[in-house]
Protein backbone atom coordinates (compact mmCIF):
# COMPACT_ATOMS: atom_id res chain seq x y z
CA MET A 1 68.14 35.27 96.15
CA THR A 2 67.55 38.89 97.05
CA TRP A 3 65.40 40.40 99.79
CA ALA A 4 62.94 41.56 97.14
CA ASP A 5 62.66 37.96 95.85
CA LEU A 6 62.13 36.70 99.38
CA LEU A 7 59.38 39.25 100.06
CA ASP A 8 57.76 38.40 96.71
CA GLY A 9 57.60 34.76 97.75
CA LEU A 10 56.21 35.50 101.21
CA GLU A 11 53.54 37.78 99.74
CA ALA A 12 52.60 35.13 97.17
CA GLU A 13 52.21 32.51 99.92
CA LEU A 14 49.86 34.83 101.80
CA MET A 15 47.61 34.99 98.75
CA GLY A 16 47.76 31.26 98.03
CA ASP A 17 46.58 28.08 99.66
CA PRO A 18 48.00 27.81 103.20
CA ALA A 19 47.76 24.02 103.04
CA GLY A 20 50.53 24.00 100.45
CA ALA A 21 52.92 26.13 102.50
CA LEU A 22 56.21 24.54 103.50
CA PRO A 23 58.19 25.27 106.66
CA TRP A 24 60.17 28.45 106.11
CA HIS A 25 63.88 28.81 106.69
CA PRO A 26 65.76 32.02 105.93
CA PRO A 27 68.04 31.64 102.94
CA PRO A 28 71.73 31.67 103.82
CA GLY A 29 73.86 34.66 102.94
CA LEU A 30 70.99 37.10 102.51
CA GLY A 31 72.56 39.77 104.69
CA PRO A 32 70.72 42.54 106.50
CA LEU A 33 67.40 43.86 105.23
CA PRO A 34 67.92 46.97 103.08
CA ALA A 35 66.34 50.11 104.53
CA HIS A 36 64.17 50.69 101.45
CA LEU A 37 62.42 47.32 102.05
CA GLU A 38 61.68 47.80 105.77
CA ASP A 39 58.11 49.06 105.27
CA ARG A 40 57.33 46.21 102.89
CA ALA A 41 58.77 43.65 105.31
CA ARG A 42 56.67 45.11 108.16
CA ALA A 43 53.57 44.90 105.95
CA VAL A 44 54.32 41.22 105.27
CA VAL A 45 54.67 40.53 109.00
CA ARG A 46 51.34 42.30 109.70
CA ALA A 47 49.64 40.34 106.91
CA GLN A 48 51.05 37.07 108.28
CA ALA A 49 49.77 37.93 111.77
CA ASP A 50 46.33 38.77 110.34
CA ARG A 51 46.24 35.48 108.43
CA SER A 52 47.31 33.59 111.55
CA ARG A 53 44.42 35.13 113.53
CA GLN A 54 42.01 34.28 110.71
CA LEU A 55 43.20 30.66 110.61
CA ARG A 56 42.87 30.36 114.40
CA ALA A 57 39.27 31.64 114.20
CA GLU A 58 38.48 29.18 111.40
CA LEU A 59 40.01 26.34 113.42
CA ASP A 60 37.89 27.29 116.45
CA THR A 61 34.78 27.22 114.24
CA VAL A 62 35.64 23.79 112.86
CA ARG A 63 36.33 22.48 116.37
CA GLY A 64 32.91 23.76 117.46
CA HIS A 65 31.27 21.95 114.55
CA LEU A 66 33.11 18.73 115.39
CA ASP A 67 32.12 19.02 119.06
CA ALA A 68 28.48 19.44 118.04
CA LEU A 69 28.68 16.38 115.79
CA ASP A 70 30.24 14.35 118.60
CA ARG A 71 27.16 15.07 120.78
CA ILE A 72 24.77 13.51 118.28
CA PRO A 73 23.84 10.03 119.50
CA GLN A 74 25.07 7.34 117.17
CA ARG A 75 22.60 4.70 116.07
CA HIS A 76 24.11 1.31 115.49
CA PRO A 77 21.99 -1.28 113.68
CA ASP A 78 21.36 -4.50 115.52
CA ALA A 79 23.32 -7.50 114.30
CA VAL A 80 21.23 -9.73 112.04
CA TYR A 81 23.35 -12.85 112.50
CA LEU A 82 25.92 -14.29 114.86
CA ASP A 83 29.20 -15.43 113.32
CA LEU A 84 30.26 -18.61 115.12
CA ASP A 85 33.18 -19.43 112.79
CA GLY A 86 35.04 -16.11 112.75
């Protein structure tokens, strides 16, 4: 695997479904980042940070919705029979 391949994969993951992302581990033996790929690597890091902020905001929104739903009183129907055998 080359650095260009690695950056291709990271960029593709940013465009795809985050639910399908796997934990990332740097490939062994890749060596130092070539100078001509530094700007691209920085752009990937910025895009990942932006996506992380976006996901945090979405999570906060979902938590707010769940909190609102939790405040709705639950109506439980009255039992229509009493089970004496069970």
